[in-house]
C-alpha atoms as a PDB file:
ATOM      1  CA  MET A   1     -53.618 -42.262 -39.036  1.00  0.00           C
ATOM      2  CA  ALA A   2     -55.759 -45.384 -39.167  1.00  0.00           C
ATOM      3  CA  LEU A   3     -58.404 -45.825 -36.496  1.00  0.00           C
ATOM      4  CA  TYR A   4     -57.020 -49.256 -35.542  1.00  0.00           C
ATOM      5  CA  SER A   5     -53.447 -50.491 -35.474  1.00  0.00           C
ATOM      6  CA  GLU A   6     -52.246 -53.369 -37.650  1.00  0.00           C
ATOM      7  CA  LYS A   7     -52.047 -55.535 -34.506  1.00  0.00           C
ATOM      8  CA  VAL A   8     -55.665 -54.828 -33.578  1.00  0.00           C
ATOM      9  CA  MET A   9     -56.760 -55.724 -37.099  1.00  0.00           C
ATOM     10  CA  ASP A  10     -54.610 -58.880 -37.106  1.00  0.00           C
ATOM     11  CA  HIS A  11     -55.996 -60.116 -33.769  1.00  0.00           C
ATOM     12  CA  PHE A  12     -59.540 -59.275 -34.916  1.00  0.00           C
ATOM     13  CA  ARG A  13     -59.183 -61.063 -38.248  1.00  0.00           C
ATOM     14  CA  ASN A  14     -57.078 -63.942 -36.902  1.00  0.00           C
ATOM     15  CA  PRO A  15     -57.898 -64.293 -33.217  1.00  0.00           C
ATOM     16  CA  ARG A  16     -55.672 -66.625 -31.223  1.00  0.00           C
ATOM     17  CA  ASN A  17     -56.867 -69.123 -28.619  1.00  0.00           C
ATOM     18  CA  VAL A  18     -60.566 -69.029 -29.494  1.00  0.00           C
ATOM     19  CA  GLY A  19     -62.740 -71.744 -28.020  1.00  0.00           C
ATOM     20  CA  VAL A  20     -63.554 -73.648 -24.861  1.00  0.00           C
ATOM     21  CA  ILE A  21     -61.383 -75.683 -22.510  1.00  0.00           C
ATOM     22  CA  GLU A  22     -63.668 -78.508 -21.381  1.00  0.00           C
ATOM     23  CA  ASP A  23     -61.604 -79.304 -18.273  1.00  0.00           C
ATOM     24  CA  ALA A  24     -60.779 -75.694 -17.390  1.00  0.00           C
ATOM     25  CA  ASN A  25     -60.085 -75.130 -13.723  1.00  0.00           C
ATOM     26  CA  GLY A  26     -60.775 -71.393 -13.927  1.00  0.00           C
ATOM     27  CA  ILE A  27     -63.622 -69.751 -15.860  1.00  0.00           C
ATOM     28  CA  GLY A  28     -64.463 -66.065 -15.838  1.00  0.00           C
ATOM     29  CA  GLU A  29     -67.236 -64.214 -17.606  1.00  0.00           C
ATOM     30  CA  VAL A  30     -67.713 -60.452 -17.712  1.00  0.00           C
ATOM     31  CA  GLY A  31     -69.773 -58.048 -19.739  1.00  0.00           C
ATOM     32  CA  ASN A  32     -70.398 -54.412 -20.400  1.00  0.00           C
ATOM     33  CA  ALA A  33     -74.109 -53.597 -20.472  1.00  0.00           C
ATOM     34  CA  LYS A  34     -73.464 -50.235 -22.140  1.00  0.00           C
ATOM     35  CA  CYS A  35     -71.873 -51.672 -25.300  1.00  0.00           C
ATOM     36  CA  GLY A  36     -73.082 -55.283 -25.146  1.00  0.00           C
ATOM     37  CA  ASP A  37     -69.630 -56.926 -25.171  1.00  0.00           C
ATOM     38  CA  ILE A  38     -69.377 -60.249 -23.311  1.00  0.00           C
ATOM     39  CA  MET A  39     -66.113 -62.121 -22.678  1.00  0.00           C
ATOM     40  CA  LYS A  40     -65.609 -65.578 -21.281  1.00  0.00           C
ATOM     41  CA  MET A  41     -62.101 -66.804 -20.396  1.00  0.00           C
ATOM     42  CA  TYR A  42     -61.119 -70.407 -19.734  1.00  0.00           C
ATOM     43  CA  LEU A  43     -57.885 -71.210 -17.893  1.00  0.00           C
ATOM     44  CA  LYS A  44     -56.097 -74.515 -17.444  1.00  0.00           C
ATOM     45  CA  ILE A  45     -53.592 -73.982 -14.642  1.00  0.00           C
ATOM     46  CA  GLU A  46     -51.086 -76.629 -13.577  1.00  0.00           C
ATOM     47  CA  ASP A  47     -48.172 -76.153 -11.173  1.00  0.00           C
ATOM     48  CA  ASP A  48     -49.150 -72.470 -10.819  1.00  0.00           C
ATOM     49  CA  VAL A  49     -48.623 -71.847 -14.552  1.00  0.00           C
ATOM     50  CA  VAL A  50     -51.284 -71.067 -17.175  1.00  0.00           C
ATOM     51  CA  GLN A  51     -50.808 -74.093 -19.426  1.00  0.00           C
ATOM     52  CA  ASP A  52     -53.717 -73.211 -21.698  1.00  0.00           C
ATOM     53  CA  VAL A  53     -56.151 -70.344 -22.151  1.00  0.00           C
ATOM     54  CA  LYS A  54     -59.086 -69.919 -24.506  1.00  0.00           C
ATOM     55  CA  PHE A  55     -61.817 -67.331 -24.902  1.00  0.00           C
ATOM     56  CA  GLU A  56     -65.254 -66.733 -26.326  1.00  0.00           C
ATOM     57  CA  THR A  57     -66.157 -63.118 -26.999  1.00  0.00           C
ATOM     58  CA  PHE A  58     -69.356 -61.620 -28.289  1.00  0.00           C
ATOM     59  CA  GLY A  59     -68.562 -58.069 -29.235  1.00  0.00           C
ATOM     60  CA  CYS A  60     -66.844 -55.598 -31.482  1.00  0.00           C
ATOM     61  CA  GLY A  61     -63.489 -55.975 -33.197  1.00  0.00           C
ATOM     62  CA  SER A  62     -61.674 -54.269 -30.330  1.00  0.00           C
ATOM     63  CA  ALA A  63     -63.208 -56.709 -27.828  1.00  0.00           C
ATOM     64  CA  ILE A  64     -62.139 -59.699 -29.904  1.00  0.00           C
ATOM     65  CA  ALA A  65     -58.639 -58.285 -30.437  1.00  0.00           C
ATOM     66  CA  SER A  66     -58.282 -57.488 -26.720  1.00  0.00           C
ATOM     67  CA  SER A  67     -59.357 -61.010 -25.747  1.00  0.00           C
ATOM     68  CA  SER A  68     -56.971 -62.558 -28.254  1.00  0.00           C
ATOM     69  CA  MET A  69     -54.000 -60.436 -27.189  1.00  0.00           C
ATOM     70  CA  ALA A  70     -54.705 -60.983 -23.485  1.00  0.00           C
ATOM     71  CA  THR A  71     -54.575 -64.755 -23.988  1.00  0.00           C
ATOM     72  CA  GLU A  72     -51.268 -64.433 -25.814  1.00  0.00           C
ATOM     73  CA  LEU A  73     -49.849 -62.361 -22.964  1.00  0.00           C
ATOM     74  CA  ILE A  74     -50.700 -64.893 -20.238  1.00  0.00           C
ATOM     75  CA  LYS A  75     -50.241 -68.292 -21.886  1.00  0.00           C
ATOM     76  CA  GLY A  76     -47.329 -70.135 -20.304  1.00  0.00           C
ATOM     77  CA  LYS A  77     -46.917 -67.525 -17.568  1.00  0.00           C
ATOM     78  CA  PRO A  78     -46.929 -68.116 -13.798  1.00  0.00           C
ATOM     79  CA  VAL A  79     -50.169 -67.202 -12.027  1.00  0.00           C
ATOM     80  CA  SER A  80     -48.311 -64.573  -9.975  1.00  0.00           C
ATOM     81  CA  GLU A  81     -47.413 -62.759 -13.210  1.00  0.00           C
ATOM     82  CA  VAL A  82     -50.870 -63.208 -14.742  1.00  0.00           C
ATOM     83  CA  MET A  83     -52.416 -61.515 -11.686  1.00  0.00           C
ATOM     84  CA  LYS A  84     -50.490 -58.348 -12.589  1.00  0.00           C
ATOM     85  CA  LEU A  85     -51.882 -58.100 -16.144  1.00  0.00           C
ATOM     86  CA  THR A  86     -53.501 -54.729 -16.729  1.00  0.00           C
ATOM     87  CA  ASN A  87     -55.763 -53.381 -19.422  1.00  0.00           C
ATOM     88  CA  LYS A  88     -53.009 -50.882 -20.201  1.00  0.00           C
ATOM     89  CA  ALA A  89     -50.615 -53.756 -20.988  1.00  0.00           C
ATOM     90  CA  VAL A  90     -53.222 -55.318 -23.299  1.00  0.00           C
ATOM     91  CA  ALA A  91     -53.820 -52.013 -25.109  1.00  0.00           C
ATOM     92  CA  GLU A  92     -50.078 -51.349 -25.425  1.00  0.00           C
ATOM     93  CA  ALA A  93     -49.479 -54.838 -26.830  1.00  0.00           C
ATOM     94  CA  LEU A  94     -52.085 -54.003 -29.481  1.00  0.00           C
ATOM     95  CA  ASP A  95     -50.225 -50.765 -30.290  1.00  0.00           C
ATOM     96  CA  GLY A  96     -53.085 -48.791 -28.792  1.00  0.00           C
ATOM     97  CA  LEU A  97     -56.854 -48.603 -28.910  1.00  0.00           C
ATOM     98  CA  PRO A  98     -59.036 -45.575 -29.565  1.00  0.00           C
ATOM     99  CA  ALA A  99     -60.018 -43.941 -26.254  1.00  0.00           C
ATOM    100  CA  TYR A 100     -63.670 -44.905 -26.689  1.00  0.00           C
ATOM    101  CA  LYS A 101     -62.629 -48.578 -27.074  1.00  0.00           C
ATOM    102  CA  MET A 102     -60.363 -48.821 -24.013  1.00  0.00           C
ATOM    103  CA  HIS A 103     -63.225 -50.490 -22.118  1.00  0.00           C
ATOM    104  CA  CYS A 104     -62.553 -53.563 -24.281  1.00  0.00           C
ATOM    105  CA  SER A 105     -59.084 -53.973 -22.793  1.00  0.00           C
ATOM    106  CA  VAL A 106     -60.608 -53.469 -19.333  1.00  0.00           C
ATOM    107  CA  LEU A 107     -63.013 -56.338 -20.018  1.00  0.00           C
ATOM    108  CA  ALA A 108     -60.108 -58.600 -21.004  1.00  0.00           C
ATOM    109  CA  GLU A 109     -58.312 -57.816 -17.747  1.00  0.00           C
ATOM    110  CA  GLU A 110     -61.499 -58.359 -15.741  1.00  0.00           C
ATOM    111  CA  ALA A 111     -62.282 -61.671 -17.481  1.00  0.00           C
ATOM    112  CA  ILE A 112     -58.828 -63.027 -16.665  1.00  0.00           C
ATOM    113  CA  HIS A 113     -59.031 -61.888 -13.049  1.00  0.00           C
ATOM    114  CA  SER A 114     -62.506 -63.410 -12.780  1.00  0.00           C
ATOM    115  CA  ALA A 115     -61.165 -66.730 -14.108  1.00  0.00           C
ATOM    116  CA  LEU A 116     -58.301 -66.594 -11.582  1.00  0.00           C
ATOM    117  CA  GLU A 117     -60.797 -65.988  -8.765  1.00  0.00           C
ATOM    118  CA  ASP A 118     -62.807 -68.979  -9.982  1.00  0.00           C
ATOM    119  CA  TYR A 119     -59.620 -71.077 -10.019  1.00  0.00           C
ATOM    120  CA  GLN A 120     -58.927 -70.026  -6.449  1.00  0.00           C
ATOM    121  CA  LYS A 121     -62.467 -71.019  -5.361  1.00  0.00           C
ATOM    122  CA  ARG A 122     -62.315 -74.379  -7.142  1.00  0.00           C
ATOM    123  CA  THR A 123     -58.881 -75.373  -5.889  1.00  0.00           C
ATOM    124  CA  GLY A 124     -58.639 -73.583  -2.567  1.00  0.00           C
ATOM    125  CA  LYS A 125     -55.190 -72.339  -3.592  1.00  0.00           C
ATOM    126  CA  SER A 126     -54.279 -68.790  -2.714  1.00  0.00           C
ATOM    127  CA  ILE A 127     -53.031 -66.568  -5.489  1.00  0.00           C
END
């Protein structure tokens, strides 16, 4: 069995939603000091729906793939649904990650939740 699934390799080689949203109304940044991965998520939320999402990730292939897949999972979704995103859902959508790379999917979840918290602070809206 290959170390990484085809989906992980695809999202690593062809990441979706890479970049910055200049007028983002939710920005979250998280990192893992142990491995050096850093993720930054940008959300553009309108009418309680994630209209756009972009990311910048400095890290390994699993971190990039997790960021990419996480953005795909939340784009166009209501904030109430996005709040429920788990690292397990990200890993499953990638057809699995090696156990020692699961922290990458955790970072993706944390970056999104951090961006949602920032959105809440900026807008005063409860989530």
